[in-house]
Amino acid sequence: MFQLLEFLLQKMAASRYEMIASVLPKPICFHVPKTFFEKKTFGQMVQIYRNLTRNTASIKRLEGLVEHRNKLAHSALRMYISKDEKKQSFTLENLEEITAGISTSIAMLMIEDRDCQEALRRK
């Protein structure tokens, strides 16, 4: 699910940059290649998103998910290295809370991206 969220952040950021380029006067060259986003981590994409939106609730939710994603990754690595499931640091309740946060964030990003795409089509 984190990969889907990361993909949506990349798509939304590319759309926003395209929108910025579309309203600038022609003598000003502004181009951000879509490949710019491909190597960005989830945390880096959240920072880019922070600069492209005024939706503070969405920013806070995504920043919280960055921390959860990092903890999940580290927990999985510890389990893999030790081969001991008892070292797992997440409970089912934690995972349900994280999944709900991801689902909400995905829905919000899809709405924002749709709105951005519609605005671009109107230009």
PDB file of N, CA and C in Angstrom:
ATOM      1  N   MET A   1       0.817  -1.202   0.000  1.00  0.00           N
ATOM      2  CA  MET A   1       0.000   0.000   0.000  1.00  0.00           C
ATOM      3  C   MET A   1       0.856   1.260   0.000  1.00  0.00           C
ATOM      4  N   PHE A   2       2.032   1.184   0.642  1.00  0.00           N
ATOM      5  CA  PHE A   2       2.897   2.353   0.650  1.00  0.00           C
ATOM      6  C   PHE A   2       3.359   2.688  -0.770  1.00  0.00           C
ATOM      7  N   GLN A   3       3.569   1.659  -1.597  1.00  0.00           N
ATOM      8  CA  GLN A   3       3.991   1.909  -2.969  1.00  0.00           C
ATOM      9  C   GLN A   3       2.905   2.639  -3.751  1.00  0.00           C
ATOM     10  N   LEU A   4       1.647   2.270  -3.518  1.00  0.00           N
ATOM     11  CA  LEU A   4       0.544   2.960  -4.185  1.00  0.00           C
ATOM     12  C   LEU A   4       0.494   4.413  -3.749  1.00  0.00           C
ATOM     13  N   LEU A   5       0.642   4.639  -2.472  1.00  0.00           N
ATOM     14  CA  LEU A   5       0.638   6.007  -1.945  1.00  0.00           C
ATOM     15  C   LEU A   5       1.795   6.806  -2.535  1.00  0.00           C
ATOM     16  N   GLU A   6       2.963   6.199  -2.613  1.00  0.00           N
ATOM     17  CA  GLU A   6       4.131   6.860  -3.202  1.00  0.00           C
ATOM     18  C   GLU A   6       3.873   7.188  -4.676  1.00  0.00           C
ATOM     19  N   PHE A   7       3.289   6.243  -5.412  1.00  0.00           N
ATOM     20  CA  PHE A   7       2.966   6.474  -6.819  1.00  0.00           C
ATOM     21  C   PHE A   7       1.990   7.644  -6.972  1.00  0.00           C
ATOM     22  N   LEU A   8       0.971   7.694  -6.131  1.00  0.00           N
ATOM     23  CA  LEU A   8      -0.001   8.793  -6.206  1.00  0.00           C
ATOM     24  C   LEU A   8       0.653  10.135  -5.890  1.00  0.00           C
ATOM     25  N   LEU A   9       1.569  10.157  -4.927  1.00  0.00           N
ATOM     26  CA  LEU A   9       2.296  11.396  -4.637  1.00  0.00           C
ATOM     27  C   LEU A   9       3.117  11.832  -5.846  1.00  0.00           C
ATOM     28  N   GLN A  10       3.766  10.878  -6.503  1.00  0.00           N
ATOM     29  CA  GLN A  10       4.561  11.200  -7.694  1.00  0.00           C
ATOM     30  C   GLN A  10       3.672  11.742  -8.806  1.00  0.00           C
ATOM     31  N   LYS A  11       2.543  11.097  -9.018  1.00  0.00           N
ATOM     32  CA  LYS A  11       1.608  11.511 -10.072  1.00  0.00           C
ATOM     33  C   LYS A  11       1.054  12.904  -9.784  1.00  0.00           C
ATOM     34  N   MET A  12       0.675  13.137  -8.536  1.00  0.00           N
ATOM     35  CA  MET A  12       0.129  14.426  -8.164  1.00  0.00           C
ATOM     36  C   MET A  12       1.182  15.525  -8.308  1.00  0.00           C
ATOM     37  N   ALA A  13       2.410  15.262  -7.871  1.00  0.00           N
ATOM     38  CA  ALA A  13       3.471  16.263  -7.973  1.00  0.00           C
ATOM     39  C   ALA A  13       3.755  16.598  -9.437  1.00  0.00           C
ATOM     40  N   ALA A  14       3.811  15.585 -10.288  1.00  0.00           N
ATOM     41  CA  ALA A  14       4.046  15.824 -11.716  1.00  0.00           C
ATOM     42  C   ALA A  14       2.923  16.680 -12.301  1.00  0.00           C
ATOM     43  N   SER A  15       1.680  16.407 -11.904  1.00  0.00           N
ATOM     44  CA  SER A  15       0.539  17.200 -12.395  1.00  0.00           C
ATOM     45  C   SER A  15       0.636  18.645 -11.920  1.00  0.00           C
ATOM     46  N   ARG A  16       1.012  18.833 -10.663  1.00  0.00           N
ATOM     47  CA  ARG A  16       1.139  20.196 -10.134  1.00  0.00           C
ATOM     48  C   ARG A  16       2.232  20.975 -10.854  1.00  0.00           C
ATOM     49  N   TYR A  17       3.365  20.324 -11.095  1.00  0.00           N
ATOM     50  CA  TYR A  17       4.441  21.001 -11.815  1.00  0.00           C
ATOM     51  C   TYR A  17       4.013  21.323 -13.248  1.00  0.00           C
ATOM     52  N   GLU A  18       3.254  20.434 -13.857  1.00  0.00           N
ATOM     53  CA  GLU A  18       2.733  20.682 -15.199  1.00  0.00           C
ATOM     54  C   GLU A  18       1.790  21.883 -15.182  1.00  0.00           C
ATOM     55  N   MET A  19       0.978  21.977 -14.120  1.00  0.00           N
ATOM     56  CA  MET A  19       0.065  23.109 -13.997  1.00  0.00           C
ATOM     57  C   MET A  19       0.849  24.421 -13.851  1.00  0.00           C
ATOM     58  N   ILE A  20       1.899  24.398 -13.036  1.00  0.00           N
ATOM     59  CA  ILE A  20       2.733  25.594 -12.863  1.00  0.00           C
ATOM     60  C   ILE A  20       3.311  26.011 -14.209  1.00  0.00           C
ATOM     61  N   ALA A  21       3.848  25.047 -14.948  1.00  0.00           N
ATOM     62  CA  ALA A  21       4.449  25.349 -16.253  1.00  0.00           C
ATOM     63  C   ALA A  21       3.414  25.931 -17.212  1.00  0.00           C
ATOM     64  N   SER A  22       2.166  25.478 -17.114  1.00  0.00           N
ATOM     65  CA  SER A  22       1.135  25.926 -18.053  1.00  0.00           C
ATOM     66  C   SER A  22       0.710  27.378 -17.828  1.00  0.00           C
ATOM     67  N   VAL A  23       0.910  27.913 -16.638  1.00  0.00           N
ATOM     68  CA  VAL A  23       0.473  29.292 -16.375  1.00  0.00           C
ATOM     69  C   VAL A  23       1.604  30.308 -16.459  1.00  0.00           C
ATOM     70  N   LEU A  24       2.839  29.830 -16.586  1.00  0.00           N
ATOM     71  CA  LEU A  24       3.967  30.752 -16.711  1.00  0.00           C
ATOM     72  C   LEU A  24       4.011  31.357 -18.109  1.00  0.00           C
ATOM     73  N   PRO A  25       4.451  32.598 -18.210  1.00  0.00           N
ATOM     74  CA  PRO A  25       4.605  33.186 -19.553  1.00  0.00           C
ATOM     75  C   PRO A  25       5.603  32.373 -20.384  1.00  0.00           C
ATOM     76  N   LYS A  26       5.400  32.345 -21.693  1.00  0.00           N
ATOM     77  CA  LYS A  26       6.208  31.510 -22.586  1.00  0.00           C
ATOM     78  C   LYS A  26       7.722  31.762 -22.487  1.00  0.00           C
ATOM     79  N   PRO A  27       8.196  32.982 -22.289  1.00  0.00           N
ATOM     80  CA  PRO A  27       9.662  33.134 -22.222  1.00  0.00           C
ATOM     81  C   PRO A  27      10.306  32.411 -21.034  1.00  0.00           C
ATOM     82  N   ILE A  28       9.507  32.075 -20.021  1.00  0.00           N
ATOM     83  CA  ILE A  28      10.053  31.400 -18.843  1.00  0.00           C
ATOM     84  C   ILE A  28       9.990  29.895 -19.079  1.00  0.00           C
ATOM     85  N   CYS A  29      11.155  29.275 -19.044  1.00  0.00           N
ATOM     86  CA  CYS A  29      11.224  27.824 -19.248  1.00  0.00           C
ATOM     87  C   CYS A  29      11.135  27.128 -17.889  1.00  0.00           C
ATOM     88  N   PHE A  30      10.151  26.276 -17.729  1.00  0.00           N
ATOM     89  CA  PHE A  30       9.966  25.526 -16.481  1.00  0.00           C
ATOM     90  C   PHE A  30       9.580  24.118 -16.851  1.00  0.00           C
ATOM     91  N   HIS A  31      10.477  23.189 -16.584  1.00  0.00           N
ATOM     92  CA  HIS A  31      10.194  21.798 -16.938  1.00  0.00           C
ATOM     93  C   HIS A  31      10.801  20.889 -15.878  1.00  0.00           C
ATOM     94  N   VAL A  32       9.991  20.023 -15.321  1.00  0.00           N
ATOM     95  CA  VAL A  32      10.461  19.016 -14.386  1.00  0.00           C
ATOM     96  C   VAL A  32      10.151  17.664 -15.019  1.00  0.00           C
ATOM     97  N   PRO A  33      11.182  16.912 -15.422  1.00  0.00           N
ATOM     98  CA  PRO A  33      10.907  15.619 -16.047  1.00  0.00           C
ATOM     99  C   PRO A  33      10.239  14.653 -15.077  1.00  0.00           C
ATOM    100  N   LYS A  34       9.354  13.835 -15.591  1.00  0.00           N
ATOM    101  CA  LYS A  34       8.650  12.878 -14.734  1.00  0.00           C
ATOM    102  C   LYS A  34       9.619  11.899 -14.076  1.00  0.00           C
ATOM    103  N   THR A  35      10.765  11.670 -14.707  1.00  0.00           N
ATOM    104  CA  THR A  35      11.764  10.769 -14.129  1.00  0.00           C
ATOM    105  C   THR A  35      12.373  11.347 -12.850  1.00  0.00           C
ATOM    106  N   PHE A  36      12.210  12.649 -12.638  1.00  0.00           N
ATOM    107  CA  PHE A  36      12.717  13.307 -11.431  1.00  0.00           C
ATOM    108  C   PHE A  36      12.165  12.631 -10.174  1.00  0.00           C
ATOM    109  N   PHE A  37      10.939  12.154 -10.242  1.00  0.00           N
ATOM    110  CA  PHE A  37      10.270  11.591  -9.078  1.00  0.00           C
ATOM    111  C   PHE A  37      10.548  10.101  -8.863  1.00  0.00           C
ATOM    112  N   GLU A  38      11.034   9.426  -9.892  1.00  0.00           N
ATOM    113  CA  GLU A  38      11.162   7.970  -9.838  1.00  0.00           C
ATOM    114  C   GLU A  38      12.077   7.460  -8.733  1.00  0.00           C
ATOM    115  N   LYS A  39      13.132   8.169  -8.424  1.00  0.00           N
ATOM    116  CA  LYS A  39      14.106   7.706  -7.428  1.00  0.00           C
ATOM    117  C   LYS A  39      13.850   8.277  -6.030  1.00  0.00           C
ATOM    118  N   LYS A  40      12.800   9.037  -5.876  1.00  0.00           N
ATOM    119  CA  LYS A  40      12.501   9.662  -4.585  1.00  0.00           C
ATOM    120  C   LYS A  40      11.905   8.643  -3.628  1.00  0.00           C
ATOM    121  N   THR A  41      12.298   8.760  -2.373  1.00  0.00           N
ATOM    122  CA  THR A  41      11.725   7.906  -1.336  1.00  0.00           C
ATOM    123  C   THR A  41      10.355   8.438  -0.947  1.00  0.00           C
ATOM    124  N   PHE A  42       9.634   7.643  -0.196  1.00  0.00           N
ATOM    125  CA  PHE A  42       8.318   8.072   0.285  1.00  0.00           C
ATOM    126  C   PHE A  42       8.442   9.373   1.089  1.00  0.00           C
ATOM    127  N   GLY A  43       9.425   9.435   1.984  1.00  0.00           N
ATOM    128  CA  GLY A  43       9.635  10.643   2.785  1.00  0.00           C
ATOM    129  C   GLY A  43       9.956  11.857   1.934  1.00  0.00           C
ATOM    130  N   GLN A  44      10.774  11.680   0.901  1.00  0.00           N
ATOM    131  CA  GLN A  44      11.109  12.788   0.005  1.00  0.00           C
ATOM    132  C   GLN A  44       9.882  13.254  -0.771  1.00  0.00           C
ATOM    133  N   MET A  45       9.031  12.317  -1.171  1.00  0.00           N
ATOM    134  CA  MET A  45       7.813  12.688  -1.897  1.00  0.00           C
ATOM    135  C   MET A  45       6.852  13.453  -0.990  1.00  0.00           C
ATOM    136  N   VAL A  46       6.810  13.104   0.279  1.00  0.00           N
ATOM    137  CA  VAL A  46       5.960  13.853   1.216  1.00  0.00           C
ATOM    138  C   VAL A  46       6.477  15.293   1.339  1.00  0.00           C
ATOM    139  N   GLN A  47       7.801  15.473   1.367  1.00  0.00           N
ATOM    140  CA  GLN A  47       8.366  16.818   1.429  1.00  0.00           C
ATOM    141  C   GLN A  47       8.036  17.626   0.168  1.00  0.00           C
ATOM    142  N   ILE A  48       8.092  16.992  -0.992  1.00  0.00           N
ATOM    143  CA  ILE A  48       7.718  17.671  -2.238  1.00  0.00           C
ATOM    144  C   ILE A  48       6.240  18.036  -2.189  1.00  0.00           C
ATOM    145  N   TYR A  49       5.418  17.099  -1.735  1.00  0.00           N
ATOM    146  CA  TYR A  49       3.974  17.343  -1.621  1.00  0.00           C
ATOM    147  C   TYR A  49       3.693  18.534  -0.700  1.00  0.00           C
ATOM    148  N   ARG A  50       4.447  18.623   0.390  1.00  0.00           N
ATOM    149  CA  ARG A  50       4.281  19.727   1.344  1.00  0.00           C
ATOM    150  C   ARG A  50       4.401  21.079   0.638  1.00  0.00           C
ATOM    151  N   ASN A  51       5.278  21.155  -0.354  1.00  0.00           N
ATOM    152  CA  ASN A  51       5.488  22.407  -1.087  1.00  0.00           C
ATOM    153  C   ASN A  51       4.441  22.663  -2.164  1.00  0.00           C
ATOM    154  N   LEU A  52       3.593  21.684  -2.426  1.00  0.00           N
ATOM    155  CA  LEU A  52       2.639  21.801  -3.530  1.00  0.00           C
ATOM    156  C   LEU A  52       1.178  21.835  -3.088  1.00  0.00           C
ATOM    157  N   THR A  53       0.919  21.835  -1.796  1.00  0.00           N
ATOM    158  CA  THR A  53      -0.466  21.822  -1.333  1.00  0.00           C
ATOM    159  C   THR A  53      -0.630  22.700  -0.104  1.00  0.00           C
ATOM    160  N   ARG A  54      -1.853  23.083   0.138  1.00  0.00           N
ATOM    161  CA  ARG A  54      -2.202  23.823   1.362  1.00  0.00           C
ATOM    162  C   ARG A  54      -2.982  22.936   2.323  1.00  0.00           C
ATOM    163  N   ASN A  55      -3.129  21.688   1.988  1.00  0.00           N
ATOM    164  CA  ASN A  55      -3.920  20.751   2.775  1.00  0.00           C
ATOM    165  C   ASN A  55      -3.097  20.263   3.975  1.00  0.00           C
ATOM    166  N   THR A  56      -3.145  20.998   5.075  1.00  0.00           N
ATOM    167  CA  THR A  56      -2.307  20.677   6.238  1.00  0.00           C
ATOM    168  C   THR A  56      -2.697  19.346   6.885  1.00  0.00           C
ATOM    169  N   ALA A  57      -3.973  19.000   6.846  1.00  0.00           N
ATOM    170  CA  ALA A  57      -4.397  17.717   7.428  1.00  0.00           C
ATOM    171  C   ALA A  57      -3.765  16.555   6.660  1.00  0.00           C
ATOM    172  N   SER A  58      -3.749  16.662   5.350  1.00  0.00           N
ATOM    173  CA  SER A  58      -3.164  15.623   4.523  1.00  0.00           C
ATOM    174  C   SER A  58      -1.652  15.532   4.752  1.00  0.00           C
ATOM    175  N   ILE A  59      -0.998  16.670   4.878  1.00  0.00           N
ATOM    176  CA  ILE A  59       0.450  16.697   5.135  1.00  0.00           C
ATOM    177  C   ILE A  59       0.766  16.001   6.455  1.00  0.00           C
ATOM    178  N   LYS A  60       0.030  16.338   7.498  1.00  0.00           N
ATOM    179  CA  LYS A  60       0.275  15.723   8.809  1.00  0.00           C
ATOM    180  C   LYS A  60       0.049  14.219   8.767  1.00  0.00           C
ATOM    181  N   ARG A  61      -1.010  13.795   8.095  1.00  0.00           N
ATOM    182  CA  ARG A  61      -1.302  12.361   8.000  1.00  0.00           C
ATOM    183  C   ARG A  61      -0.160  11.651   7.267  1.00  0.00           C
ATOM    184  N   LEU A  62       0.303  12.223   6.168  1.00  0.00           N
ATOM    185  CA  LEU A  62       1.384  11.604   5.403  1.00  0.00           C
ATOM    186  C   LEU A  62       2.690  11.579   6.191  1.00  0.00           C
ATOM    187  N   GLU A  63       2.974  12.642   6.915  1.00  0.00           N
ATOM    188  CA  GLU A  63       4.199  12.660   7.722  1.00  0.00           C
ATOM    189  C   GLU A  63       4.155  11.574   8.794  1.00  0.00           C
ATOM    190  N   GLY A  64       2.993  11.345   9.375  1.00  0.00           N
ATOM    191  CA  GLY A  64       2.846  10.263  10.343  1.00  0.00           C
ATOM    192  C   GLY A  64       3.049   8.903   9.697  1.00  0.00           C
ATOM    193  N   LEU A  65       2.587   8.774   8.450  1.00  0.00           N
ATOM    194  CA  LEU A  65       2.750   7.509   7.745  1.00  0.00           C
ATOM    195  C   LEU A  65       4.212   7.237   7.398  1.00  0.00           C
ATOM    196  N   VAL A  66       4.994   8.297   7.178  1.00  0.00           N
ATOM    197  CA  VAL A  66       6.424   8.106   6.905  1.00  0.00           C
ATOM    198  C   VAL A  66       7.072   7.412   8.100  1.00  0.00           C
ATOM    199  N   GLU A  67       6.745   7.897   9.297  1.00  0.00           N
ATOM    200  CA  GLU A  67       7.298   7.293  10.511  1.00  0.00           C
ATOM    201  C   GLU A  67       6.852   5.830  10.644  1.00  0.00           C
ATOM    202  N   HIS A  68       5.562   5.568  10.412  1.00  0.00           N
ATOM    203  CA  HIS A  68       5.062   4.193  10.499  1.00  0.00           C
ATOM    204  C   HIS A  68       5.725   3.297   9.457  1.00  0.00           C
ATOM    205  N   ARG A  69       5.876   3.806   8.245  1.00  0.00           N
ATOM    206  CA  ARG A  69       6.498   3.027   7.175  1.00  0.00           C
ATOM    207  C   ARG A  69       7.929   2.659   7.560  1.00  0.00           C
ATOM    208  N   ASN A  70       8.660   3.620   8.121  1.00  0.00           N
ATOM    209  CA  ASN A  70      10.036   3.344   8.528  1.00  0.00           C
ATOM    210  C   ASN A  70      10.092   2.299   9.640  1.00  0.00           C
ATOM    211  N   LYS A  71       9.181   2.405  10.606  1.00  0.00           N
ATOM    212  CA  LYS A  71       9.145   1.432  11.697  1.00  0.00           C
ATOM    213  C   LYS A  71       8.796   0.041  11.173  1.00  0.00           C
ATOM    214  N   LEU A  72       7.834  -0.023  10.251  1.00  0.00           N
ATOM    215  CA  LEU A  72       7.468  -1.311   9.665  1.00  0.00           C
ATOM    216  C   LEU A  72       8.646  -1.930   8.920  1.00  0.00           C
ATOM    217  N   ALA A  73       9.341  -1.123   8.154  1.00  0.00           N
ATOM    218  CA  ALA A  73      10.485  -1.634   7.393  1.00  0.00           C
ATOM    219  C   ALA A  73      11.574  -2.142   8.328  1.00  0.00           C
ATOM    220  N   HIS A  74      11.856  -1.392   9.382  1.00  0.00           N
ATOM    221  CA  HIS A  74      12.892  -1.812  10.324  1.00  0.00           C
ATOM    222  C   HIS A  74      12.472  -3.059  11.099  1.00  0.00           C
ATOM    223  N   SER A  75      11.207  -3.139  11.447  1.00  0.00           N
ATOM    224  CA  SER A  75      10.693  -4.317  12.146  1.00  0.00           C
ATOM    225  C   SER A  75      10.810  -5.551  11.256  1.00  0.00           C
ATOM    226  N   ALA A  76      10.450  -5.399   9.987  1.00  0.00           N
ATOM    227  CA  ALA A  76      10.543  -6.522   9.049  1.00  0.00           C
ATOM    228  C   ALA A  76      11.992  -6.962   8.873  1.00  0.00           C
ATOM    229  N   LEU A  77      12.897  -6.007   8.820  1.00  0.00           N
ATOM    230  CA  LEU A  77      14.315  -6.339   8.673  1.00  0.00           C
ATOM    231  C   LEU A  77      14.827  -7.084   9.905  1.00  0.00           C
ATOM    232  N   ARG A  78      14.446  -6.608  11.097  1.00  0.00           N
ATOM    233  CA  ARG A  78      14.860  -7.294  12.332  1.00  0.00           C
ATOM    234  C   ARG A  78      14.334  -8.731  12.356  1.00  0.00           C
ATOM    235  N   MET A  79      13.069  -8.901  11.973  1.00  0.00           N
ATOM    236  CA  MET A  79      12.488 -10.248  11.951  1.00  0.00           C
ATOM    237  C   MET A  79      13.215 -11.135  10.959  1.00  0.00           C
ATOM    238  N   TYR A  80      13.536 -10.584   9.804  1.00  0.00           N
ATOM    239  CA  TYR A  80      14.197 -11.374   8.767  1.00  0.00           C
ATOM    240  C   TYR A  80      15.596 -11.802   9.232  1.00  0.00           C
ATOM    241  N   ILE A  81      16.329 -10.854   9.805  1.00  0.00           N
ATOM    242  CA  ILE A  81      17.696 -11.155  10.245  1.00  0.00           C
ATOM    243  C   ILE A  81      17.693 -12.154  11.392  1.00  0.00           C
ATOM    244  N   SER A  82      16.807 -11.955  12.357  1.00  0.00           N
ATOM    245  CA  SER A  82      16.806 -12.820  13.539  1.00  0.00           C
ATOM    246  C   SER A  82      15.984 -14.085  13.343  1.00  0.00           C
ATOM    247  N   LYS A  83      15.120 -14.099  12.330  1.00  0.00           N
ATOM    248  CA  LYS A  83      14.212 -15.231  12.081  1.00  0.00           C
ATOM    249  C   LYS A  83      13.318 -15.494  13.295  1.00  0.00           C
ATOM    250  N   ASP A  84      13.059 -14.440  14.068  1.00  0.00           N
ATOM    251  CA  ASP A  84      12.278 -14.577  15.295  1.00  0.00           C
ATOM    252  C   ASP A  84      11.063 -13.663  15.226  1.00  0.00           C
ATOM    253  N   GLU A  85       9.881 -14.234  15.067  1.00  0.00           N
ATOM    254  CA  GLU A  85       8.665 -13.438  14.976  1.00  0.00           C
ATOM    255  C   GLU A  85       8.353 -12.694  16.266  1.00  0.00           C
ATOM    256  N   LYS A  86       8.938 -13.098  17.384  1.00  0.00           N
ATOM    257  CA  LYS A  86       8.693 -12.411  18.654  1.00  0.00           C
ATOM    258  C   LYS A  86       9.302 -11.011  18.665  1.00  0.00           C
ATOM    259  N   LYS A  87      10.229 -10.755  17.764  1.00  0.00           N
ATOM    260  CA  LYS A  87      10.855  -9.436  17.704  1.00  0.00           C
ATOM    261  C   LYS A  87      10.013  -8.441  16.918  1.00  0.00           C
ATOM    262  N   GLN A  88       8.884  -8.885  16.455  1.00  0.00           N
ATOM    263  CA  GLN A  88       7.984  -7.997  15.724  1.00  0.00           C
ATOM    264  C   GLN A  88       7.502  -6.908  16.673  1.00  0.00           C
ATOM    265  N   SER A  89       7.592  -5.649  16.231  1.00  0.00           N
ATOM    266  CA  SER A  89       7.226  -4.548  17.116  1.00  0.00           C
ATOM    267  C   SER A  89       5.857  -3.945  16.801  1.00  0.00           C
ATOM    268  N   PHE A  90       5.081  -4.587  15.934  1.00  0.00           N
ATOM    269  CA  PHE A  90       3.766  -4.075  15.590  1.00  0.00           C
ATOM    270  C   PHE A  90       2.694  -5.082  15.948  1.00  0.00           C
ATOM    271  N   THR A  91       1.602  -4.574  16.476  1.00  0.00           N
ATOM    272  CA  THR A  91       0.461  -5.424  16.788  1.00  0.00           C
ATOM    273  C   THR A  91      -0.552  -5.310  15.652  1.00  0.00           C
ATOM    274  N   LEU A  92      -1.538  -6.149  15.671  1.00  0.00           N
ATOM    275  CA  LEU A  92      -2.592  -6.101  14.666  1.00  0.00           C
ATOM    276  C   LEU A  92      -3.306  -4.746  14.713  1.00  0.00           C
ATOM    277  N   GLU A  93      -3.504  -4.220  15.915  1.00  0.00           N
ATOM    278  CA  GLU A  93      -4.168  -2.917  16.051  1.00  0.00           C
ATOM    279  C   GLU A  93      -3.335  -1.817  15.396  1.00  0.00           C
ATOM    280  N   ASN A  94      -1.990  -1.859  15.594  1.00  0.00           N
ATOM    281  CA  ASN A  94      -1.117  -0.872  14.949  1.00  0.00           C
ATOM    282  C   ASN A  94      -1.274  -0.937  13.439  1.00  0.00           C
ATOM    283  N   LEU A  95      -1.251  -2.152  12.914  1.00  0.00           N
ATOM    284  CA  LEU A  95      -1.332  -2.318  11.469  1.00  0.00           C
ATOM    285  C   LEU A  95      -2.684  -1.870  10.925  1.00  0.00           C
ATOM    286  N   GLU A  96      -3.757  -2.128  11.672  1.00  0.00           N
ATOM    287  CA  GLU A  96      -5.080  -1.666  11.232  1.00  0.00           C
ATOM    288  C   GLU A  96      -5.140  -0.145  11.206  1.00  0.00           C
ATOM    289  N   GLU A  97      -4.541   0.497  12.205  1.00  0.00           N
ATOM    290  CA  GLU A  97      -4.507   1.965  12.255  1.00  0.00           C
ATOM    291  C   GLU A  97      -3.695   2.520  11.088  1.00  0.00           C
ATOM    292  N   ILE A  98      -2.560   1.918  10.811  1.00  0.00           N
ATOM    293  CA  ILE A  98      -1.717   2.362   9.704  1.00  0.00           C
ATOM    294  C   ILE A  98      -2.444   2.172   8.375  1.00  0.00           C
ATOM    295  N   THR A  99      -3.080   1.020   8.199  1.00  0.00           N
ATOM    296  CA  THR A  99      -3.812   0.740   6.969  1.00  0.00           C
ATOM    297  C   THR A  99      -4.940   1.749   6.764  1.00  0.00           C
ATOM    298  N   ALA A 100      -5.637   2.096   7.822  1.00  0.00           N
ATOM    299  CA  ALA A 100      -6.708   3.092   7.722  1.00  0.00           C
ATOM    300  C   ALA A 100      -6.131   4.446   7.312  1.00  0.00           C
ATOM    301  N   GLY A 101      -4.995   4.813   7.889  1.00  0.00           N
ATOM    302  CA  GLY A 101      -4.348   6.075   7.528  1.00  0.00           C
ATOM    303  C   GLY A 101      -3.913   6.098   6.081  1.00  0.00           C
ATOM    304  N   ILE A 102      -3.382   4.982   5.612  1.00  0.00           N
ATOM    305  CA  ILE A 102      -2.961   4.896   4.218  1.00  0.00           C
ATOM    306  C   ILE A 102      -4.168   5.003   3.300  1.00  0.00           C
ATOM    307  N   SER A 103      -5.230   4.287   3.627  1.00  0.00           N
ATOM    308  CA  SER A 103      -6.441   4.325   2.794  1.00  0.00           C
ATOM    309  C   SER A 103      -7.009   5.738   2.703  1.00  0.00           C
ATOM    310  N   THR A 104      -7.065   6.437   3.826  1.00  0.00           N
ATOM    311  CA  THR A 104      -7.562   7.813   3.829  1.00  0.00           C
ATOM    312  C   THR A 104      -6.666   8.705   2.990  1.00  0.00           C
ATOM    313  N   SER A 105      -5.356   8.555   3.140  1.00  0.00           N
ATOM    314  CA  SER A 105      -4.415   9.366   2.374  1.00  0.00           C
ATOM    315  C   SER A 105      -4.540   9.096   0.881  1.00  0.00           C
ATOM    316  N   ILE A 106      -4.699   7.840   0.512  1.00  0.00           N
ATOM    317  CA  ILE A 106      -4.862   7.493  -0.897  1.00  0.00           C
ATOM    318  C   ILE A 106      -6.105   8.165  -1.458  1.00  0.00           C
ATOM    319  N   ALA A 107      -7.204   8.099  -0.725  1.00  0.00           N
ATOM    320  CA  ALA A 107      -8.453   8.722  -1.189  1.00  0.00           C
ATOM    321  C   ALA A 107      -8.282  10.226  -1.356  1.00  0.00           C
ATOM    322  N   MET A 108      -7.634  10.866  -0.388  1.00  0.00           N
ATOM    323  CA  MET A 108      -7.432  12.322  -0.464  1.00  0.00           C
ATOM    324  C   MET A 108      -6.542  12.694  -1.647  1.00  0.00           C
ATOM    325  N   LEU A 109      -5.479  11.932  -1.868  1.00  0.00           N
ATOM    326  CA  LEU A 109      -4.580  12.226  -2.985  1.00  0.00           C
ATOM    327  C   LEU A 109      -5.268  12.007  -4.325  1.00  0.00           C
ATOM    328  N   MET A 110      -6.111  10.991  -4.413  1.00  0.00           N
ATOM    329  CA  MET A 110      -6.825  10.743  -5.660  1.00  0.00           C
ATOM    330  C   MET A 110      -7.776  11.894  -5.977  1.00  0.00           C
ATOM    331  N   ILE A 111      -8.417  12.424  -4.963  1.00  0.00           N
ATOM    332  CA  ILE A 111      -9.317  13.569  -5.165  1.00  0.00           C
ATOM    333  C   ILE A 111      -8.515  14.793  -5.588  1.00  0.00           C
ATOM    334  N   GLU A 112      -7.398  15.061  -4.896  1.00  0.00           N
ATOM    335  CA  GLU A 112      -6.563  16.204  -5.261  1.00  0.00           C
ATOM    336  C   GLU A 112      -6.030  16.071  -6.680  1.00  0.00           C
ATOM    337  N   ASP A 113      -5.591  14.871  -7.043  1.00  0.00           N
ATOM    338  CA  ASP A 113      -5.053  14.668  -8.385  1.00  0.00           C
ATOM    339  C   ASP A 113      -6.139  14.851  -9.431  1.00  0.00           C
ATOM    340  N   ARG A 114      -7.327  14.334  -9.159  1.00  0.00           N
ATOM    341  CA  ARG A 114      -8.441  14.503 -10.097  1.00  0.00           C
ATOM    342  C   ARG A 114      -8.736  15.980 -10.306  1.00  0.00           C
ATOM    343  N   ASP A 115      -8.782  16.751  -9.210  1.00  0.00           N
ATOM    344  CA  ASP A 115      -9.047  18.181  -9.302  1.00  0.00           C
ATOM    345  C   ASP A 115      -7.960  18.903 -10.105  1.00  0.00           C
ATOM    346  N   CYS A 116      -6.718  18.497  -9.884  1.00  0.00           N
ATOM    347  CA  CYS A 116      -5.599  19.096 -10.598  1.00  0.00           C
ATOM    348  C   CYS A 116      -5.686  18.761 -12.095  1.00  0.00           C
ATOM    349  N   GLN A 117      -5.984  17.525 -12.419  1.00  0.00           N
ATOM    350  CA  GLN A 117      -6.110  17.119 -13.823  1.00  0.00           C
ATOM    351  C   GLN A 117      -7.241  17.881 -14.509  1.00  0.00           C
ATOM    352  N   GLU A 118      -8.360  18.067 -13.807  1.00  0.00           N
ATOM    353  CA  GLU A 118      -9.481  18.831 -14.376  1.00  0.00           C
ATOM    354  C   GLU A 118      -9.085  20.270 -14.623  1.00  0.00           C
ATOM    355  N   ALA A 119      -8.338  20.860 -13.712  1.00  0.00           N
ATOM    356  CA  ALA A 119      -7.879  22.241 -13.880  1.00  0.00           C
ATOM    357  C   ALA A 119      -6.931  22.347 -15.082  1.00  0.00           C
ATOM    358  N   LEU A 120      -6.083  21.348 -15.255  1.00  0.00           N
ATOM    359  CA  LEU A 120      -5.169  21.350 -16.412  1.00  0.00           C
ATOM    360  C   LEU A 120      -5.940  21.246 -17.722  1.00  0.00           C
ATOM    361  N   ARG A 121      -6.986  20.436 -17.759  1.00  0.00           N
ATOM    362  CA  ARG A 121      -7.784  20.287 -18.967  1.00  0.00           C
ATOM    363  C   ARG A 121      -8.499  21.583 -19.319  1.00  0.00           C
ATOM    364  N   ARG A 122      -8.868  22.365 -18.316  1.00  0.00           N
ATOM    365  CA  ARG A 122      -9.563  23.633 -18.567  1.00  0.00           C
ATOM    366  C   ARG A 122      -8.632  24.697 -19.143  1.00  0.00           C
ATOM    367  N   LYS A 123      -7.354  24.549 -18.958  1.00  0.00           N
ATOM    368  CA  LYS A 123      -6.373  25.555 -19.428  1.00  0.00           C
ATOM    369  C   LYS A 123      -6.253  25.555 -20.920  1.00  0.00           C
TER     370      LYS A 123
END
